[in-house]
Amino acid sequence: MRFITLVFIVSILSSVTLTKTLILGEEVKATCDFTKFQVCKPEIITGSPPSEECCEKLKEQQSCLCAYLISPSISQYIGNAKRVIRACGIPFPNCS
């Protein structure tokens, strides 16, 4: 369990990617900062209800959710991640 947690933390901290977001009809580059998802780690691992802080961070980084969800380090927690996203009132992204 400790190894998996370590892999999760390392992959999240090292995964910074650029994504494009559509704002007011203009394409803008938005930086995905996966370190902001760290506040959601306990909820994603245990499946417990998300904190307000977790929901705020997910909403801030909503355009980055697909990049986060396809990460190999999160694959075993995808069910809990979906529950956390739904509990925060965020529509689950279509990542195809």
PDB file of N, CA and C in Angstrom:
ATOM      1  N   MET A   1       0.826  -1.191   0.000  1.00  0.00           N
ATOM      2  CA  MET A   1       0.000   0.000   0.000  1.00  0.00           C
ATOM      3  C   MET A   1       0.871   1.255   0.000  1.00  0.00           C
ATOM      4  N   ARG A   2       1.952   1.263   0.756  1.00  0.00           N
ATOM      5  CA  ARG A   2       2.819   2.438   0.818  1.00  0.00           C
ATOM      6  C   ARG A   2       3.469   2.702  -0.538  1.00  0.00           C
ATOM      7  N   PHE A   3       3.850   1.630  -1.241  1.00  0.00           N
ATOM      8  CA  PHE A   3       4.475   1.791  -2.548  1.00  0.00           C
ATOM      9  C   PHE A   3       3.492   2.423  -3.530  1.00  0.00           C
ATOM     10  N   ILE A   4       2.261   1.943  -3.528  1.00  0.00           N
ATOM     11  CA  ILE A   4       1.242   2.473  -4.430  1.00  0.00           C
ATOM     12  C   ILE A   4       1.002   3.948  -4.142  1.00  0.00           C
ATOM     13  N   THR A   5       0.936   4.298  -2.877  1.00  0.00           N
ATOM     14  CA  THR A   5       0.739   5.697  -2.492  1.00  0.00           C
ATOM     15  C   THR A   5       1.908   6.544  -2.967  1.00  0.00           C
ATOM     16  N   LEU A   6       3.124   6.038  -2.814  1.00  0.00           N
ATOM     17  CA  LEU A   6       4.308   6.763  -3.255  1.00  0.00           C
ATOM     18  C   LEU A   6       4.286   6.964  -4.771  1.00  0.00           C
ATOM     19  N   VAL A   7       3.938   5.917  -5.508  1.00  0.00           N
ATOM     20  CA  VAL A   7       3.852   6.014  -6.965  1.00  0.00           C
ATOM     21  C   VAL A   7       2.795   7.048  -7.351  1.00  0.00           C
ATOM     22  N   PHE A   8       1.667   7.030  -6.654  1.00  0.00           N
ATOM     23  CA  PHE A   8       0.586   7.990  -6.901  1.00  0.00           C
ATOM     24  C   PHE A   8       1.085   9.414  -6.706  1.00  0.00           C
ATOM     25  N   ILE A   9       1.748   9.669  -5.609  1.00  0.00           N
ATOM     26  CA  ILE A   9       2.241  11.015  -5.297  1.00  0.00           C
ATOM     27  C   ILE A   9       3.275  11.467  -6.320  1.00  0.00           C
ATOM     28  N   VAL A  10       4.229  10.602  -6.628  1.00  0.00           N
ATOM     29  CA  VAL A  10       5.289  10.953  -7.572  1.00  0.00           C
ATOM     30  C   VAL A  10       4.706  11.241  -8.953  1.00  0.00           C
ATOM     31  N   SER A  11       3.785  10.399  -9.401  1.00  0.00           N
ATOM     32  CA  SER A  11       3.236  10.615 -10.744  1.00  0.00           C
ATOM     33  C   SER A  11       2.404  11.888 -10.809  1.00  0.00           C
ATOM     34  N   ILE A  12       1.678  12.189  -9.756  1.00  0.00           N
ATOM     35  CA  ILE A  12       0.879  13.414  -9.747  1.00  0.00           C
ATOM     36  C   ILE A  12       1.787  14.635  -9.718  1.00  0.00           C
ATOM     37  N   LEU A  13       2.819  14.602  -8.890  1.00  0.00           N
ATOM     38  CA  LEU A  13       3.714  15.748  -8.785  1.00  0.00           C
ATOM     39  C   LEU A  13       4.519  15.980 -10.057  1.00  0.00           C
ATOM     40  N   SER A  14       4.796  14.909 -10.793  1.00  0.00           N
ATOM     41  CA  SER A  14       5.611  15.064 -11.995  1.00  0.00           C
ATOM     42  C   SER A  14       4.778  15.239 -13.263  1.00  0.00           C
ATOM     43  N   SER A  15       3.464  15.134 -13.136  1.00  0.00           N
ATOM     44  CA  SER A  15       2.594  15.236 -14.312  1.00  0.00           C
ATOM     45  C   SER A  15       2.034  16.635 -14.456  1.00  0.00           C
ATOM     46  N   VAL A  16       2.743  17.452 -15.171  1.00  0.00           N
ATOM     47  CA  VAL A  16       2.220  18.780 -15.495  1.00  0.00           C
ATOM     48  C   VAL A  16       2.138  18.840 -17.008  1.00  0.00           C
ATOM     49  N   THR A  17       0.963  19.102 -17.500  1.00  0.00           N
ATOM     50  CA  THR A  17       0.763  19.120 -18.943  1.00  0.00           C
ATOM     51  C   THR A  17      -0.011  20.367 -19.340  1.00  0.00           C
ATOM     52  N   LEU A  18       0.113  20.727 -20.583  1.00  0.00           N
ATOM     53  CA  LEU A  18      -0.655  21.865 -21.091  1.00  0.00           C
ATOM     54  C   LEU A  18      -1.879  21.348 -21.818  1.00  0.00           C
ATOM     55  N   THR A  19      -2.942  22.023 -21.635  1.00  0.00           N
ATOM     56  CA  THR A  19      -4.168  21.677 -22.339  1.00  0.00           C
ATOM     57  C   THR A  19      -4.782  22.953 -22.886  1.00  0.00           C
ATOM     58  N   LYS A  20      -5.627  22.810 -23.863  1.00  0.00           N
ATOM     59  CA  LYS A  20      -6.283  23.991 -24.432  1.00  0.00           C
ATOM     60  C   LYS A  20      -7.703  24.063 -23.896  1.00  0.00           C
ATOM     61  N   THR A  21      -8.106  25.245 -23.543  1.00  0.00           N
ATOM     62  CA  THR A  21      -9.442  25.479 -23.022  1.00  0.00           C
ATOM     63  C   THR A  21     -10.118  26.532 -23.873  1.00  0.00           C
ATOM     64  N   LEU A  22     -11.398  26.397 -24.066  1.00  0.00           N
ATOM     65  CA  LEU A  22     -12.139  27.376 -24.834  1.00  0.00           C
ATOM     66  C   LEU A  22     -12.775  28.364 -23.871  1.00  0.00           C
ATOM     67  N   ILE A  23     -12.346  29.616 -23.948  1.00  0.00           N
ATOM     68  CA  ILE A  23     -12.879  30.658 -23.087  1.00  0.00           C
ATOM     69  C   ILE A  23     -13.349  31.801 -23.973  1.00  0.00           C
ATOM     70  N   LEU A  24     -14.626  32.127 -23.861  1.00  0.00           N
ATOM     71  CA  LEU A  24     -15.220  33.220 -24.637  1.00  0.00           C
ATOM     72  C   LEU A  24     -14.918  33.106 -26.131  1.00  0.00           C
ATOM     73  N   GLY A  25     -14.958  31.885 -26.647  1.00  0.00           N
ATOM     74  CA  GLY A  25     -14.759  31.679 -28.072  1.00  0.00           C
ATOM     75  C   GLY A  25     -13.311  31.719 -28.516  1.00  0.00           C
ATOM     76  N   GLU A  26     -12.392  31.950 -27.607  1.00  0.00           N
ATOM     77  CA  GLU A  26     -10.977  31.993 -27.957  1.00  0.00           C
ATOM     78  C   GLU A  26     -10.269  30.803 -27.329  1.00  0.00           C
ATOM     79  N   GLU A  27      -9.328  30.273 -28.076  1.00  0.00           N
ATOM     80  CA  GLU A  27      -8.550  29.159 -27.563  1.00  0.00           C
ATOM     81  C   GLU A  27      -7.409  29.706 -26.720  1.00  0.00           C
ATOM     82  N   VAL A  28      -7.297  29.211 -25.485  1.00  0.00           N
ATOM     83  CA  VAL A  28      -6.254  29.679 -24.585  1.00  0.00           C
ATOM     84  C   VAL A  28      -5.577  28.455 -23.981  1.00  0.00           C
ATOM     85  N   LYS A  29      -4.291  28.563 -23.737  1.00  0.00           N
ATOM     86  CA  LYS A  29      -3.589  27.464 -23.085  1.00  0.00           C
ATOM     87  C   LYS A  29      -3.786  27.572 -21.582  1.00  0.00           C
ATOM     88  N   ALA A  30      -4.195  26.460 -20.982  1.00  0.00           N
ATOM     89  CA  ALA A  30      -4.358  26.415 -19.531  1.00  0.00           C
ATOM     90  C   ALA A  30      -3.377  25.385 -18.989  1.00  0.00           C
ATOM     91  N   THR A  31      -2.693  25.707 -17.935  1.00  0.00           N
ATOM     92  CA  THR A  31      -1.742  24.778 -17.350  1.00  0.00           C
ATOM     93  C   THR A  31      -2.455  23.870 -16.370  1.00  0.00           C
ATOM     94  N   CYS A  32      -2.274  22.580 -16.554  1.00  0.00           N
ATOM     95  CA  CYS A  32      -2.839  21.609 -15.621  1.00  0.00           C
ATOM     96  C   CYS A  32      -1.826  21.388 -14.509  1.00  0.00           C
ATOM     97  N   ASP A  33      -2.214  21.708 -13.326  1.00  0.00           N
ATOM     98  CA  ASP A  33      -1.340  21.554 -12.167  1.00  0.00           C
ATOM     99  C   ASP A  33      -1.884  20.427 -11.303  1.00  0.00           C
ATOM    100  N   PHE A  34      -1.359  19.221 -11.537  1.00  0.00           N
ATOM    101  CA  PHE A  34      -1.882  18.054 -10.847  1.00  0.00           C
ATOM    102  C   PHE A  34      -1.550  18.030  -9.360  1.00  0.00           C
ATOM    103  N   THR A  35      -0.670  18.896  -8.921  1.00  0.00           N
ATOM    104  CA  THR A  35      -0.401  18.967  -7.477  1.00  0.00           C
ATOM    105  C   THR A  35      -1.623  19.498  -6.740  1.00  0.00           C
ATOM    106  N   LYS A  36      -2.479  20.244  -7.442  1.00  0.00           N
ATOM    107  CA  LYS A  36      -3.692  20.770  -6.806  1.00  0.00           C
ATOM    108  C   LYS A  36      -4.682  19.662  -6.465  1.00  0.00           C
ATOM    109  N   PHE A  37      -4.557  18.514  -7.116  1.00  0.00           N
ATOM    110  CA  PHE A  37      -5.440  17.388  -6.823  1.00  0.00           C
ATOM    111  C   PHE A  37      -5.033  16.650  -5.546  1.00  0.00           C
ATOM    112  N   GLN A  38      -3.892  16.983  -4.983  1.00  0.00           N
ATOM    113  CA  GLN A  38      -3.418  16.302  -3.776  1.00  0.00           C
ATOM    114  C   GLN A  38      -4.414  16.406  -2.623  1.00  0.00           C
ATOM    115  N   VAL A  39      -5.165  17.507  -2.544  1.00  0.00           N
ATOM    116  CA  VAL A  39      -6.143  17.646  -1.463  1.00  0.00           C
ATOM    117  C   VAL A  39      -7.256  16.612  -1.589  1.00  0.00           C
ATOM    118  N   CYS A  40      -7.412  16.014  -2.768  1.00  0.00           N
ATOM    119  CA  CYS A  40      -8.449  15.002  -2.999  1.00  0.00           C
ATOM    120  C   CYS A  40      -7.927  13.575  -2.832  1.00  0.00           C
ATOM    121  N   LYS A  41      -6.650  13.430  -2.608  1.00  0.00           N
ATOM    122  CA  LYS A  41      -6.048  12.092  -2.532  1.00  0.00           C
ATOM    123  C   LYS A  41      -6.744  11.182  -1.521  1.00  0.00           C
ATOM    124  N   PRO A  42      -6.985  11.631  -0.275  1.00  0.00           N
ATOM    125  CA  PRO A  42      -7.648  10.726   0.685  1.00  0.00           C
ATOM    126  C   PRO A  42      -9.036  10.285   0.205  1.00  0.00           C
ATOM    127  N   GLU A  43      -9.793  11.200  -0.372  1.00  0.00           N
ATOM    128  CA  GLU A  43     -11.127  10.870  -0.856  1.00  0.00           C
ATOM    129  C   GLU A  43     -11.072   9.888  -2.021  1.00  0.00           C
ATOM    130  N   ILE A  44     -10.105  10.081  -2.908  1.00  0.00           N
ATOM    131  CA  ILE A  44      -9.984   9.202  -4.071  1.00  0.00           C
ATOM    132  C   ILE A  44      -9.506   7.812  -3.661  1.00  0.00           C
ATOM    133  N   ILE A  45      -8.615   7.738  -2.703  1.00  0.00           N
ATOM    134  CA  ILE A  45      -8.117   6.432  -2.261  1.00  0.00           C
ATOM    135  C   ILE A  45      -9.164   5.682  -1.442  1.00  0.00           C
ATOM    136  N   THR A  46      -9.853   6.387  -0.534  1.00  0.00           N
ATOM    137  CA  THR A  46     -10.794   5.709   0.367  1.00  0.00           C
ATOM    138  C   THR A  46     -12.228   5.711  -0.120  1.00  0.00           C
ATOM    139  N   GLY A  47     -12.569   6.610  -1.033  1.00  0.00           N
ATOM    140  CA  GLY A  47     -13.946   6.700  -1.500  1.00  0.00           C
ATOM    141  C   GLY A  47     -14.846   7.503  -0.578  1.00  0.00           C
ATOM    142  N   SER A  48     -14.257   8.234   0.367  1.00  0.00           N
ATOM    143  CA  SER A  48     -15.054   9.040   1.296  1.00  0.00           C
ATOM    144  C   SER A  48     -15.567  10.302   0.600  1.00  0.00           C
ATOM    145  N   PRO A  49     -16.606  10.940   1.162  1.00  0.00           N
ATOM    146  CA  PRO A  49     -17.144  12.165   0.551  1.00  0.00           C
ATOM    147  C   PRO A  49     -16.069  13.254   0.472  1.00  0.00           C
ATOM    148  N   PRO A  50     -16.057  14.024  -0.610  1.00  0.00           N
ATOM    149  CA  PRO A  50     -15.020  15.046  -0.795  1.00  0.00           C
ATOM    150  C   PRO A  50     -15.226  16.271   0.100  1.00  0.00           C
ATOM    151  N   SER A  51     -14.120  16.880   0.470  1.00  0.00           N
ATOM    152  CA  SER A  51     -14.159  18.123   1.243  1.00  0.00           C
ATOM    153  C   SER A  51     -14.486  19.280   0.301  1.00  0.00           C
ATOM    154  N   GLU A  52     -14.854  20.426   0.878  1.00  0.00           N
ATOM    155  CA  GLU A  52     -15.114  21.617   0.057  1.00  0.00           C
ATOM    156  C   GLU A  52     -13.861  22.021  -0.707  1.00  0.00           C
ATOM    157  N   GLU A  53     -12.705  21.917  -0.036  1.00  0.00           N
ATOM    158  CA  GLU A  53     -11.439  22.283  -0.679  1.00  0.00           C
ATOM    159  C   GLU A  53     -11.166  21.385  -1.886  1.00  0.00           C
ATOM    160  N   CYS A  54     -11.433  20.092  -1.730  1.00  0.00           N
ATOM    161  CA  CYS A  54     -11.243  19.151  -2.834  1.00  0.00           C
ATOM    162  C   CYS A  54     -12.128  19.546  -4.012  1.00  0.00           C
ATOM    163  N   CYS A  55     -13.398  19.808  -3.751  1.00  0.00           N
ATOM    164  CA  CYS A  55     -14.326  20.189  -4.826  1.00  0.00           C
ATOM    165  C   CYS A  55     -13.890  21.483  -5.505  1.00  0.00           C
ATOM    166  N   GLU A  56     -13.419  22.444  -4.725  1.00  0.00           N
ATOM    167  CA  GLU A  56     -12.946  23.706  -5.301  1.00  0.00           C
ATOM    168  C   GLU A  56     -11.788  23.466  -6.262  1.00  0.00           C
ATOM    169  N   LYS A  57     -10.836  22.625  -5.841  1.00  0.00           N
ATOM    170  CA  LYS A  57      -9.673  22.345  -6.694  1.00  0.00           C
ATOM    171  C   LYS A  57     -10.085  21.594  -7.956  1.00  0.00           C
ATOM    172  N   LEU A  58     -11.017  20.643  -7.815  1.00  0.00           N
ATOM    173  CA  LEU A  58     -11.488  19.915  -8.994  1.00  0.00           C
ATOM    174  C   LEU A  58     -12.172  20.857  -9.975  1.00  0.00           C
ATOM    175  N   LYS A  59     -12.961  21.789  -9.458  1.00  0.00           N
ATOM    176  CA  LYS A  59     -13.646  22.752 -10.331  1.00  0.00           C
ATOM    177  C   LYS A  59     -12.649  23.685 -11.012  1.00  0.00           C
ATOM    178  N   GLU A  60     -11.608  24.104 -10.284  1.00  0.00           N
ATOM    179  CA  GLU A  60     -10.564  24.962 -10.866  1.00  0.00           C
ATOM    180  C   GLU A  60      -9.839  24.255 -12.005  1.00  0.00           C
ATOM    181  N   GLN A  61      -9.628  22.966 -11.841  1.00  0.00           N
ATOM    182  CA  GLN A  61      -8.850  22.184 -12.802  1.00  0.00           C
ATOM    183  C   GLN A  61      -9.743  21.289 -13.667  1.00  0.00           C
ATOM    184  N   GLN A  62     -11.015  21.638 -13.802  1.00  0.00           N
ATOM    185  CA  GLN A  62     -11.981  20.807 -14.511  1.00  0.00           C
ATOM    186  C   GLN A  62     -11.541  20.460 -15.932  1.00  0.00           C
ATOM    187  N   SER A  63     -10.908  21.395 -16.622  1.00  0.00           N
ATOM    188  CA  SER A  63     -10.464  21.126 -17.995  1.00  0.00           C
ATOM    189  C   SER A  63      -9.327  20.104 -18.044  1.00  0.00           C
ATOM    190  N   CYS A  64      -8.750  19.786 -16.905  1.00  0.00           N
ATOM    191  CA  CYS A  64      -7.621  18.849 -16.835  1.00  0.00           C
ATOM    192  C   CYS A  64      -8.036  17.457 -16.362  1.00  0.00           C
ATOM    193  N   LEU A  65      -9.321  17.257 -16.061  1.00  0.00           N
ATOM    194  CA  LEU A  65      -9.749  15.989 -15.475  1.00  0.00           C
ATOM    195  C   LEU A  65      -9.441  14.786 -16.357  1.00  0.00           C
ATOM    196  N   CYS A  66      -9.614  14.903 -17.673  1.00  0.00           N
ATOM    197  CA  CYS A  66      -9.332  13.754 -18.547  1.00  0.00           C
ATOM    198  C   CYS A  66      -7.863  13.346 -18.469  1.00  0.00           C
ATOM    199  N   ALA A  67      -6.971  14.327 -18.504  1.00  0.00           N
ATOM    200  CA  ALA A  67      -5.540  14.016 -18.411  1.00  0.00           C
ATOM    201  C   ALA A  67      -5.233  13.329 -17.085  1.00  0.00           C
ATOM    202  N   TYR A  68      -5.896  13.753 -16.039  1.00  0.00           N
ATOM    203  CA  TYR A  68      -5.701  13.164 -14.716  1.00  0.00           C
ATOM    204  C   TYR A  68      -6.268  11.746 -14.671  1.00  0.00           C
ATOM    205  N   LEU A  69      -7.468  11.559 -15.207  1.00  0.00           N
ATOM    206  CA  LEU A  69      -8.143  10.266 -15.123  1.00  0.00           C
ATOM    207  C   LEU A  69      -7.475   9.182 -15.958  1.00  0.00           C
ATOM    208  N   ILE A  70      -6.778   9.560 -17.035  1.00  0.00           N
ATOM    209  CA  ILE A  70      -6.115   8.531 -17.847  1.00  0.00           C
ATOM    210  C   ILE A  70      -4.725   8.184 -17.322  1.00  0.00           C
ATOM    211  N   SER A  71      -4.313   8.844 -16.262  1.00  0.00           N
ATOM    212  CA  SER A  71      -3.014   8.557 -15.659  1.00  0.00           C
ATOM    213  C   SER A  71      -2.994   7.125 -15.121  1.00  0.00           C
ATOM    214  N   PRO A  72      -1.952   6.342 -15.435  1.00  0.00           N
ATOM    215  CA  PRO A  72      -1.867   4.968 -14.944  1.00  0.00           C
ATOM    216  C   PRO A  72      -1.919   4.872 -13.419  1.00  0.00           C
ATOM    217  N   SER A  73      -1.457   5.891 -12.732  1.00  0.00           N
ATOM    218  CA  SER A  73      -1.437   5.829 -11.271  1.00  0.00           C
ATOM    219  C   SER A  73      -2.828   5.944 -10.664  1.00  0.00           C
ATOM    220  N   ILE A  74      -3.790   6.430 -11.408  1.00  0.00           N
ATOM    221  CA  ILE A  74      -5.144   6.600 -10.877  1.00  0.00           C
ATOM    222  C   ILE A  74      -6.066   5.459 -11.303  1.00  0.00           C
ATOM    223  N   SER A  75      -5.643   4.637 -12.258  1.00  0.00           N
ATOM    224  CA  SER A  75      -6.523   3.621 -12.840  1.00  0.00           C
ATOM    225  C   SER A  75      -7.187   2.718 -11.802  1.00  0.00           C
ATOM    226  N   GLN A  76      -6.482   2.344 -10.760  1.00  0.00           N
ATOM    227  CA  GLN A  76      -7.099   1.467  -9.760  1.00  0.00           C
ATOM    228  C   GLN A  76      -8.089   2.207  -8.872  1.00  0.00           C
ATOM    229  N   TYR A  77      -8.069   3.523  -8.910  1.00  0.00           N
ATOM    230  CA  TYR A  77      -8.973   4.326  -8.086  1.00  0.00           C
ATOM    231  C   TYR A  77     -10.056   5.011  -8.918  1.00  0.00           C
ATOM    232  N   ILE A  78     -10.226   4.618 -10.176  1.00  0.00           N
ATOM    233  CA  ILE A  78     -11.126   5.330 -11.079  1.00  0.00           C
ATOM    234  C   ILE A  78     -12.559   5.365 -10.561  1.00  0.00           C
ATOM    235  N   GLY A  79     -13.019   4.290  -9.944  1.00  0.00           N
ATOM    236  CA  GLY A  79     -14.380   4.263  -9.393  1.00  0.00           C
ATOM    237  C   GLY A  79     -14.567   5.325  -8.331  1.00  0.00           C
ATOM    238  N   ASN A  80     -13.613   5.413  -7.409  1.00  0.00           N
ATOM    239  CA  ASN A  80     -13.683   6.435  -6.363  1.00  0.00           C
ATOM    240  C   ASN A  80     -13.537   7.832  -6.952  1.00  0.00           C
ATOM    241  N   ALA A  81     -12.680   7.986  -7.946  1.00  0.00           N
ATOM    242  CA  ALA A  81     -12.494   9.297  -8.580  1.00  0.00           C
ATOM    243  C   ALA A  81     -13.802   9.760  -9.220  1.00  0.00           C
ATOM    244  N   LYS A  82     -14.511   8.849  -9.880  1.00  0.00           N
ATOM    245  CA  LYS A  82     -15.800   9.193 -10.489  1.00  0.00           C
ATOM    246  C   LYS A  82     -16.797   9.630  -9.422  1.00  0.00           C
ATOM    247  N   ARG A  83     -16.831   8.906  -8.288  1.00  0.00           N
ATOM    248  CA  ARG A  83     -17.751   9.261  -7.202  1.00  0.00           C
ATOM    249  C   ARG A  83     -17.438  10.640  -6.638  1.00  0.00           C
ATOM    250  N   VAL A  84     -16.151  10.934  -6.470  1.00  0.00           N
ATOM    251  CA  VAL A  84     -15.742  12.240  -5.936  1.00  0.00           C
ATOM    252  C   VAL A  84     -16.144  13.349  -6.905  1.00  0.00           C
ATOM    253  N   ILE A  85     -15.902  13.149  -8.187  1.00  0.00           N
ATOM    254  CA  ILE A  85     -16.254  14.149  -9.200  1.00  0.00           C
ATOM    255  C   ILE A  85     -17.762  14.406  -9.190  1.00  0.00           C
ATOM    256  N   ARG A  86     -18.548  13.320  -9.164  1.00  0.00           N
ATOM    257  CA  ARG A  86     -20.007  13.460  -9.125  1.00  0.00           C
ATOM    258  C   ARG A  86     -20.469  14.161  -7.853  1.00  0.00           C
ATOM    259  N   ALA A  87     -19.884  13.786  -6.709  1.00  0.00           N
ATOM    260  CA  ALA A  87     -20.273  14.381  -5.423  1.00  0.00           C
ATOM    261  C   ALA A  87     -19.996  15.881  -5.392  1.00  0.00           C
ATOM    262  N   CYS A  88     -19.029  16.322  -6.173  1.00  0.00           N
ATOM    263  CA  CYS A  88     -18.702  17.752  -6.246  1.00  0.00           C
ATOM    264  C   CYS A  88     -19.608  18.488  -7.229  1.00  0.00           C
ATOM    265  N   GLY A  89     -20.518  17.761  -7.874  1.00  0.00           N
ATOM    266  CA  GLY A  89     -21.437  18.391  -8.815  1.00  0.00           C
ATOM    267  C   GLY A  89     -20.810  18.731 -10.154  1.00  0.00           C
ATOM    268  N   ILE A  90     -19.719  18.048 -10.471  1.00  0.00           N
ATOM    269  CA  ILE A  90     -19.023  18.282 -11.736  1.00  0.00           C
ATOM    270  C   ILE A  90     -19.461  17.198 -12.716  1.00  0.00           C
ATOM    271  N   PRO A  91     -19.888  17.574 -13.921  1.00  0.00           N
ATOM    272  CA  PRO A  91     -20.253  16.549 -14.897  1.00  0.00           C
ATOM    273  C   PRO A  91     -19.019  15.724 -15.264  1.00  0.00           C
ATOM    274  N   PHE A  92     -19.204  14.401 -15.322  1.00  0.00           N
ATOM    275  CA  PHE A  92     -18.070  13.538 -15.647  1.00  0.00           C
ATOM    276  C   PHE A  92     -17.658  13.795 -17.088  1.00  0.00           C
ATOM    277  N   PRO A  93     -16.362  14.055 -17.313  1.00  0.00           N
ATOM    278  CA  PRO A  93     -15.906  14.410 -18.662  1.00  0.00           C
ATOM    279  C   PRO A  93     -15.935  13.230 -19.624  1.00  0.00           C
ATOM    280  N   ASN A  94     -16.180  13.528 -20.886  1.00  0.00           N
ATOM    281  CA  ASN A  94     -16.095  12.532 -21.944  1.00  0.00           C
ATOM    282  C   ASN A  94     -14.660  12.580 -22.454  1.00  0.00           C
ATOM    283  N   CYS A  95     -13.869  11.597 -22.091  1.00  0.00           N
ATOM    284  CA  CYS A  95     -12.427  11.625 -22.361  1.00  0.00           C
ATOM    285  C   CYS A  95     -12.038  10.897 -23.643  1.00  0.00           C
ATOM    286  N   SER A  96     -12.981  10.607 -24.509  1.00  0.00           N
ATOM    287  CA  SER A  96     -12.619   9.866 -25.722  1.00  0.00           C
ATOM    288  C   SER A  96     -12.152  10.759 -26.830  1.00  0.00           C
TER     289      SER A  96
END
